[in-house]
């Protein structure tokens, strides 16, 4: 599976990789640190013009909310990304409301501990297999 992660915190991406490995998910992760890089990826601009189509897009809205919302809007308007699930990491539930209108498939509260991070691996695995995960504490 190809997973696109838009997250400026490299430690969070490292933990996500460990959580997915624990779930025995075979994945290729593309890590972009900014909304600007993500927009270039979605628009197939250099250096991402030949990047593979992701099976899942995970966007962190913590630092760059406007860029995150813009990335999600661009993803939903990009025909070559039709059907790709979008998962958003949030700081709090209050950030969720405007994103519902953008077609986000899954919301996850940013974890505060290692155990919660490991649960995200299960949520992401379920999304890759087309199952929304309502039972996982990390997901909303």
N, C-alpha and C. Protein backbone atom coordinates (compact mmCIF):
# COMPACT_ATOMS: atom_id res chain seq x y z
N UNK A 1 0.82 -1.19 0.00
CA UNK A 1 0.00 0.00 0.00
C UNK A 1 0.86 1.25 0.00
N UNK A 2 0.41 2.25 -0.70
CA UNK A 2 1.10 3.53 -0.74
C UNK A 2 0.34 4.53 0.14
N UNK A 3 1.04 5.10 1.11
CA UNK A 3 0.41 6.03 2.06
C UNK A 3 1.13 7.38 1.97
N UNK A 4 0.35 8.43 1.78
CA UNK A 4 0.87 9.79 1.77
C UNK A 4 0.59 10.40 3.14
N UNK A 5 1.63 10.89 3.81
CA UNK A 5 1.48 11.51 5.13
C UNK A 5 1.96 12.95 5.04
N UNK A 6 1.07 13.88 5.40
CA UNK A 6 1.43 15.30 5.45
C UNK A 6 1.53 15.65 6.93
N UNK A 7 2.77 15.74 7.41
CA UNK A 7 3.04 15.90 8.84
C UNK A 7 4.42 16.50 9.01
N UNK A 8 4.51 17.61 9.74
CA UNK A 8 5.82 18.24 9.90
C UNK A 8 6.66 17.61 10.99
N UNK A 9 6.07 16.84 11.87
CA UNK A 9 6.79 16.22 12.98
C UNK A 9 7.30 14.83 12.58
N UNK A 10 8.61 14.73 12.36
CA UNK A 10 9.21 13.46 11.94
C UNK A 10 9.03 12.36 12.98
N UNK A 11 8.99 12.71 14.26
CA UNK A 11 8.79 11.70 15.31
C UNK A 11 7.43 11.04 15.19
N UNK A 12 6.40 11.82 14.85
CA UNK A 12 5.07 11.25 14.67
C UNK A 12 5.03 10.29 13.48
N UNK A 13 5.75 10.64 12.42
CA UNK A 13 5.81 9.76 11.25
C UNK A 13 6.55 8.47 11.59
N UNK A 14 7.62 8.57 12.36
CA UNK A 14 8.35 7.40 12.81
C UNK A 14 7.42 6.47 13.61
N UNK A 15 6.66 7.05 14.53
CA UNK A 15 5.73 6.24 15.34
C UNK A 15 4.63 5.63 14.48
N UNK A 16 4.15 6.36 13.49
CA UNK A 16 3.15 5.82 12.58
C UNK A 16 3.71 4.62 11.83
N UNK A 17 4.95 4.73 11.36
CA UNK A 17 5.58 3.61 10.66
C UNK A 17 5.66 2.39 11.58
N UNK A 18 6.02 2.59 12.84
CA UNK A 18 6.10 1.47 13.80
C UNK A 18 4.71 0.87 14.04
N UNK A 19 3.70 1.73 14.15
CA UNK A 19 2.33 1.25 14.38
C UNK A 19 1.84 0.42 13.20
N UNK A 20 2.16 0.84 11.98
CA UNK A 20 1.76 0.08 10.80
C UNK A 20 2.52 -1.24 10.70
N UNK A 21 3.81 -1.20 11.02
CA UNK A 21 4.60 -2.44 11.01
C UNK A 21 4.04 -3.44 12.02
N UNK A 22 3.62 -2.96 13.17
CA UNK A 22 3.03 -3.84 14.19
C UNK A 22 1.75 -4.49 13.68
N UNK A 23 1.02 -3.80 12.80
CA UNK A 23 -0.21 -4.34 12.22
C UNK A 23 0.08 -5.22 10.99
N UNK A 24 1.35 -5.39 10.69
CA UNK A 24 1.81 -6.20 9.56
C UNK A 24 1.23 -5.71 8.23
N UNK A 25 1.23 -4.39 8.07
CA UNK A 25 0.79 -3.77 6.83
C UNK A 25 2.01 -3.57 5.94
N UNK A 26 1.93 -4.05 4.72
CA UNK A 26 2.99 -3.84 3.73
C UNK A 26 2.74 -2.48 3.09
N UNK A 27 3.61 -1.50 3.38
CA UNK A 27 3.33 -0.14 2.94
C UNK A 27 4.58 0.57 2.45
N UNK A 28 4.35 1.55 1.59
CA UNK A 28 5.36 2.49 1.13
C UNK A 28 4.86 3.85 1.58
N UNK A 29 5.63 4.54 2.41
CA UNK A 29 5.19 5.81 2.97
C UNK A 29 5.89 6.98 2.28
N UNK A 30 5.10 7.94 1.83
CA UNK A 30 5.62 9.20 1.30
C UNK A 30 5.34 10.27 2.34
N UNK A 31 6.40 10.85 2.88
CA UNK A 31 6.26 11.85 3.95
C UNK A 31 6.53 13.24 3.39
N UNK A 32 5.52 14.10 3.48
CA UNK A 32 5.66 15.49 3.07
C UNK A 32 5.50 16.35 4.32
N UNK A 33 6.35 17.35 4.48
CA UNK A 33 6.38 18.14 5.71
C UNK A 33 5.50 19.38 5.69
N UNK A 34 5.00 19.78 4.53
CA UNK A 34 4.23 21.02 4.50
C UNK A 34 3.02 20.91 3.57
N UNK A 35 2.10 21.83 3.78
CA UNK A 35 0.94 21.92 2.90
C UNK A 35 1.35 22.25 1.47
N UNK A 36 2.38 23.07 1.32
CA UNK A 36 2.84 23.44 -0.02
C UNK A 36 3.37 22.21 -0.78
N UNK A 37 4.13 21.36 -0.08
CA UNK A 37 4.62 20.12 -0.72
C UNK A 37 3.44 19.22 -1.08
N UNK A 38 2.46 19.13 -0.19
CA UNK A 38 1.30 18.29 -0.43
C UNK A 38 0.51 18.78 -1.64
N UNK A 39 0.35 20.10 -1.77
CA UNK A 39 -0.36 20.64 -2.93
C UNK A 39 0.39 20.32 -4.22
N UNK A 40 1.70 20.42 -4.20
CA UNK A 40 2.49 20.06 -5.38
C UNK A 40 2.30 18.58 -5.73
N UNK A 41 2.24 17.72 -4.69
CA UNK A 41 2.02 16.29 -4.91
C UNK A 41 0.66 16.06 -5.55
N UNK A 42 -0.38 16.66 -4.98
CA UNK A 42 -1.75 16.46 -5.49
C UNK A 42 -1.87 16.98 -6.92
N UNK A 43 -1.20 18.07 -7.21
CA UNK A 43 -1.27 18.67 -8.55
C UNK A 43 -0.30 18.04 -9.53
N UNK A 44 0.46 17.05 -9.06
CA UNK A 44 1.44 16.33 -9.89
C UNK A 44 2.51 17.26 -10.44
N UNK A 45 2.92 18.21 -9.62
CA UNK A 45 3.99 19.13 -10.01
C UNK A 45 5.33 18.54 -9.60
N UNK A 46 6.40 19.03 -10.23
CA UNK A 46 7.75 18.58 -9.88
C UNK A 46 8.03 18.91 -8.41
N UNK A 47 8.65 18.04 -7.71
CA UNK A 47 9.29 16.79 -8.11
C UNK A 47 8.36 15.57 -7.98
N UNK A 48 7.06 15.79 -7.89
CA UNK A 48 6.11 14.70 -7.63
C UNK A 48 5.32 14.27 -8.87
N UNK A 49 5.74 14.71 -10.04
CA UNK A 49 4.96 14.44 -11.25
C UNK A 49 4.82 12.95 -11.56
N UNK A 50 5.75 12.14 -11.11
CA UNK A 50 5.67 10.70 -11.39
C UNK A 50 5.44 9.87 -10.12
N UNK A 51 4.97 10.50 -9.06
CA UNK A 51 4.73 9.78 -7.81
C UNK A 51 3.54 8.84 -7.95
N UNK A 52 3.59 7.71 -7.25
CA UNK A 52 2.48 6.76 -7.34
C UNK A 52 1.22 7.33 -6.67
N UNK A 53 0.07 6.87 -7.13
CA UNK A 53 -1.21 7.25 -6.54
C UNK A 53 -1.30 6.62 -5.15
N UNK A 54 -1.53 7.42 -4.11
CA UNK A 54 -1.60 6.82 -2.76
C UNK A 54 -2.90 6.05 -2.57
N UNK A 55 -2.84 5.04 -1.70
CA UNK A 55 -4.04 4.29 -1.31
C UNK A 55 -4.73 4.95 -0.12
N UNK A 56 -4.00 5.84 0.57
CA UNK A 56 -4.52 6.54 1.73
C UNK A 56 -3.74 7.84 1.89
N UNK A 57 -4.45 8.90 2.28
CA UNK A 57 -3.80 10.18 2.55
C UNK A 57 -4.11 10.54 4.00
N UNK A 58 -3.05 10.82 4.76
CA UNK A 58 -3.16 11.20 6.17
C UNK A 58 -2.61 12.61 6.33
N UNK A 59 -3.46 13.53 6.81
CA UNK A 59 -3.08 14.94 6.93
C UNK A 59 -3.18 15.37 8.38
N UNK A 60 -2.12 16.00 8.87
CA UNK A 60 -2.12 16.58 10.21
C UNK A 60 -2.51 18.05 10.09
N UNK A 61 -3.52 18.46 10.85
CA UNK A 61 -3.97 19.85 10.80
C UNK A 61 -3.43 20.69 11.95
N UNK A 62 -2.60 20.11 12.79
CA UNK A 62 -2.14 20.79 14.01
C UNK A 62 -1.49 22.14 13.75
N UNK A 63 -0.49 22.18 12.92
CA UNK A 63 0.30 23.40 12.74
C UNK A 63 -0.22 24.30 11.62
N UNK A 64 -0.68 23.68 10.56
CA UNK A 64 -1.05 24.47 9.38
C UNK A 64 -2.48 24.14 8.97
N UNK A 65 -3.43 24.53 9.79
CA UNK A 65 -4.83 24.18 9.56
C UNK A 65 -5.31 24.64 8.18
N UNK A 66 -5.02 25.86 7.82
CA UNK A 66 -5.50 26.37 6.53
C UNK A 66 -4.89 25.55 5.40
N UNK A 67 -3.59 25.28 5.49
CA UNK A 67 -2.96 24.46 4.45
C UNK A 67 -3.56 23.07 4.42
N UNK A 68 -3.84 22.50 5.60
CA UNK A 68 -4.44 21.17 5.66
C UNK A 68 -5.80 21.14 5.00
N UNK A 69 -6.63 22.12 5.29
CA UNK A 69 -7.95 22.19 4.67
C UNK A 69 -7.83 22.37 3.16
N UNK A 70 -6.88 23.18 2.74
CA UNK A 70 -6.65 23.41 1.31
C UNK A 70 -6.19 22.11 0.63
N UNK A 71 -5.32 21.35 1.30
CA UNK A 71 -4.86 20.07 0.76
C UNK A 71 -6.03 19.12 0.58
N UNK A 72 -6.89 19.03 1.58
CA UNK A 72 -8.04 18.13 1.49
C UNK A 72 -8.97 18.55 0.36
N UNK A 73 -9.21 19.84 0.24
CA UNK A 73 -10.06 20.35 -0.84
C UNK A 73 -9.46 19.99 -2.20
N UNK A 74 -8.15 20.17 -2.35
CA UNK A 74 -7.48 19.83 -3.62
C UNK A 74 -7.57 18.32 -3.91
N UNK A 75 -7.39 17.51 -2.87
CA UNK A 75 -7.50 16.06 -3.05
C UNK A 75 -8.88 15.70 -3.56
N UNK A 76 -9.90 16.27 -2.95
CA UNK A 76 -11.28 15.95 -3.33
C UNK A 76 -11.63 16.45 -4.73
N UNK A 77 -10.90 17.45 -5.23
CA UNK A 77 -11.15 17.97 -6.58
C UNK A 77 -10.26 17.31 -7.63
N UNK A 78 -9.29 16.52 -7.21
CA UNK A 78 -8.36 15.87 -8.15
C UNK A 78 -8.94 14.54 -8.61
N UNK A 79 -9.30 14.47 -9.89
CA UNK A 79 -9.94 13.26 -10.43
C UNK A 79 -9.04 12.03 -10.28
N UNK A 80 -7.73 12.20 -10.39
CA UNK A 80 -6.83 11.05 -10.29
C UNK A 80 -6.76 10.51 -8.86
N UNK A 81 -7.35 11.21 -7.90
CA UNK A 81 -7.38 10.74 -6.51
C UNK A 81 -8.79 10.34 -6.07
N UNK A 82 -9.72 10.23 -7.01
CA UNK A 82 -11.07 9.78 -6.67
C UNK A 82 -11.02 8.46 -5.92
N UNK A 83 -11.75 8.39 -4.84
CA UNK A 83 -11.84 7.15 -4.08
C UNK A 83 -10.75 6.93 -3.06
N UNK A 84 -9.74 7.81 -3.02
CA UNK A 84 -8.66 7.65 -2.03
C UNK A 84 -9.17 8.17 -0.69
N UNK A 85 -9.16 7.33 0.35
CA UNK A 85 -9.61 7.79 1.67
C UNK A 85 -8.66 8.84 2.24
N UNK A 86 -9.24 9.82 2.93
CA UNK A 86 -8.48 10.86 3.60
C UNK A 86 -8.74 10.76 5.09
N UNK A 87 -7.66 10.68 5.84
CA UNK A 87 -7.71 10.61 7.30
C UNK A 87 -7.04 11.86 7.84
N UNK A 88 -7.66 12.47 8.84
CA UNK A 88 -7.13 13.72 9.40
C UNK A 88 -6.80 13.53 10.87
N UNK A 89 -5.60 14.00 11.27
CA UNK A 89 -5.22 14.05 12.68
C UNK A 89 -5.62 15.41 13.21
N UNK A 90 -6.33 15.42 14.32
CA UNK A 90 -6.81 16.66 14.93
C UNK A 90 -6.29 16.81 16.33
N UNK A 91 -6.21 18.04 16.79
CA UNK A 91 -5.88 18.32 18.19
C UNK A 91 -7.11 18.17 19.08
N UNK A 92 -8.27 18.56 18.55
CA UNK A 92 -9.50 18.50 19.36
C UNK A 92 -10.71 18.33 18.46
N UNK A 93 -11.82 17.96 19.07
CA UNK A 93 -13.06 17.78 18.34
C UNK A 93 -13.56 19.06 17.70
N UNK A 94 -13.21 20.20 18.26
CA UNK A 94 -13.70 21.47 17.73
C UNK A 94 -13.21 21.72 16.31
N UNK A 95 -12.11 21.10 15.93
CA UNK A 95 -11.57 21.27 14.57
C UNK A 95 -12.32 20.43 13.53
N UNK A 96 -13.17 19.54 13.98
CA UNK A 96 -13.77 18.55 13.10
C UNK A 96 -14.90 19.10 12.21
N UNK A 97 -15.71 19.99 12.74
CA UNK A 97 -16.92 20.41 12.05
C UNK A 97 -16.72 20.91 10.62
N UNK A 98 -15.84 21.88 10.37
CA UNK A 98 -15.70 22.37 8.99
C UNK A 98 -15.15 21.32 8.03
N UNK A 99 -14.47 20.32 8.57
CA UNK A 99 -13.86 19.29 7.72
C UNK A 99 -14.86 18.24 7.25
N UNK A 100 -15.97 18.09 7.97
CA UNK A 100 -17.00 17.15 7.54
C UNK A 100 -17.48 17.47 6.13
N UNK A 101 -17.57 18.74 5.81
CA UNK A 101 -18.05 19.16 4.50
C UNK A 101 -17.04 18.87 3.39
N UNK A 102 -15.79 18.64 3.75
CA UNK A 102 -14.75 18.38 2.76
C UNK A 102 -14.63 16.90 2.39
N UNK A 103 -15.38 16.05 3.04
CA UNK A 103 -15.35 14.63 2.70
C UNK A 103 -14.24 13.84 3.34
N UNK A 104 -13.88 14.19 4.58
CA UNK A 104 -12.87 13.43 5.31
C UNK A 104 -13.47 12.09 5.70
N UNK A 105 -12.73 11.00 5.49
CA UNK A 105 -13.22 9.66 5.79
C UNK A 105 -13.06 9.26 7.24
N UNK A 106 -12.01 9.75 7.90
CA UNK A 106 -11.73 9.35 9.28
C UNK A 106 -11.05 10.48 10.01
N UNK A 107 -11.44 10.69 11.26
CA UNK A 107 -10.80 11.68 12.13
C UNK A 107 -10.11 10.93 13.26
N UNK A 108 -8.89 11.37 13.59
CA UNK A 108 -8.14 10.76 14.68
C UNK A 108 -7.61 11.88 15.56
N UNK A 109 -7.89 11.79 16.87
CA UNK A 109 -7.30 12.74 17.81
C UNK A 109 -5.82 12.40 17.93
N UNK A 110 -4.97 13.41 17.83
CA UNK A 110 -3.52 13.20 17.91
C UNK A 110 -3.19 12.51 19.23
N UNK A 111 -2.50 11.39 19.17
CA UNK A 111 -2.21 10.61 20.38
C UNK A 111 -1.21 11.31 21.30
N UNK A 112 -1.36 11.00 22.59
CA UNK A 112 -0.43 11.58 23.57
C UNK A 112 0.56 10.54 24.10
N UNK A 113 0.32 9.28 23.81
CA UNK A 113 1.21 8.25 24.31
C UNK A 113 1.45 7.16 23.29
N UNK A 114 2.43 6.31 23.56
CA UNK A 114 2.81 5.25 22.63
C UNK A 114 1.67 4.26 22.38
N UNK A 115 0.95 3.87 23.42
CA UNK A 115 -0.15 2.91 23.25
C UNK A 115 -1.22 3.47 22.31
N UNK A 116 -1.54 4.75 22.47
CA UNK A 116 -2.53 5.36 21.58
C UNK A 116 -2.02 5.42 20.15
N UNK A 117 -0.72 5.66 20.00
CA UNK A 117 -0.14 5.69 18.66
C UNK A 117 -0.24 4.32 18.01
N UNK A 118 -0.03 3.27 18.77
CA UNK A 118 -0.12 1.92 18.22
C UNK A 118 -1.55 1.61 17.75
N UNK A 119 -2.55 2.19 18.41
CA UNK A 119 -3.94 2.01 17.99
C UNK A 119 -4.18 2.63 16.62
N UNK A 120 -3.46 3.70 16.31
CA UNK A 120 -3.62 4.36 15.01
C UNK A 120 -3.25 3.39 13.88
N UNK A 121 -2.28 2.53 14.13
CA UNK A 121 -1.92 1.53 13.14
C UNK A 121 -3.12 0.69 12.74
N UNK A 122 -3.93 0.31 13.71
CA UNK A 122 -5.13 -0.48 13.44
C UNK A 122 -6.15 0.33 12.65
N UNK A 123 -6.33 1.59 13.02
CA UNK A 123 -7.26 2.46 12.32
C UNK A 123 -6.85 2.63 10.86
N UNK A 124 -5.57 2.89 10.62
CA UNK A 124 -5.07 3.07 9.26
C UNK A 124 -5.20 1.78 8.46
N UNK A 125 -4.89 0.65 9.08
CA UNK A 125 -5.03 -0.64 8.40
C UNK A 125 -6.48 -0.85 7.97
N UNK A 126 -7.41 -0.56 8.85
CA UNK A 126 -8.83 -0.73 8.51
C UNK A 126 -9.24 0.19 7.36
N UNK A 127 -8.73 1.41 7.35
CA UNK A 127 -9.03 2.32 6.24
C UNK A 127 -8.49 1.78 4.92
N UNK A 128 -7.30 1.22 4.96
CA UNK A 128 -6.71 0.65 3.74
C UNK A 128 -7.55 -0.51 3.21
N UNK A 129 -8.18 -1.23 4.12
CA UNK A 129 -9.01 -2.36 3.72
C UNK A 129 -10.47 -1.96 3.53
N UNK A 130 -10.74 -0.64 3.55
CA UNK A 130 -12.08 -0.15 3.27
C UNK A 130 -13.06 -0.24 4.42
N UNK A 131 -12.56 -0.29 5.64
CA UNK A 131 -13.43 -0.40 6.80
C UNK A 131 -13.21 0.80 7.71
N UNK A 132 -14.24 1.60 7.92
CA UNK A 132 -14.12 2.68 8.89
C UNK A 132 -14.06 2.06 10.27
N UNK A 133 -13.23 2.62 11.12
CA UNK A 133 -12.97 2.03 12.43
C UNK A 133 -13.57 2.89 13.53
N UNK A 134 -14.79 2.59 13.91
CA UNK A 134 -15.49 3.37 14.93
C UNK A 134 -15.15 2.90 16.33
N UNK A 135 -14.59 1.71 16.48
CA UNK A 135 -14.37 1.14 17.82
C UNK A 135 -13.05 1.58 18.43
N UNK A 136 -12.13 2.04 17.64
CA UNK A 136 -10.81 2.41 18.15
C UNK A 136 -10.87 3.73 18.90
N UNK A 137 -10.37 3.77 20.14
CA UNK A 137 -10.42 5.02 20.92
C UNK A 137 -9.76 6.20 20.21
N UNK A 138 -8.76 5.93 19.39
CA UNK A 138 -8.06 7.02 18.71
C UNK A 138 -8.88 7.62 17.59
N UNK A 139 -9.88 6.89 17.11
CA UNK A 139 -10.66 7.39 15.97
C UNK A 139 -11.99 7.95 16.42
N UNK A 140 -12.51 8.84 15.61
CA UNK A 140 -13.79 9.48 15.94
C UNK A 140 -14.76 9.30 14.81
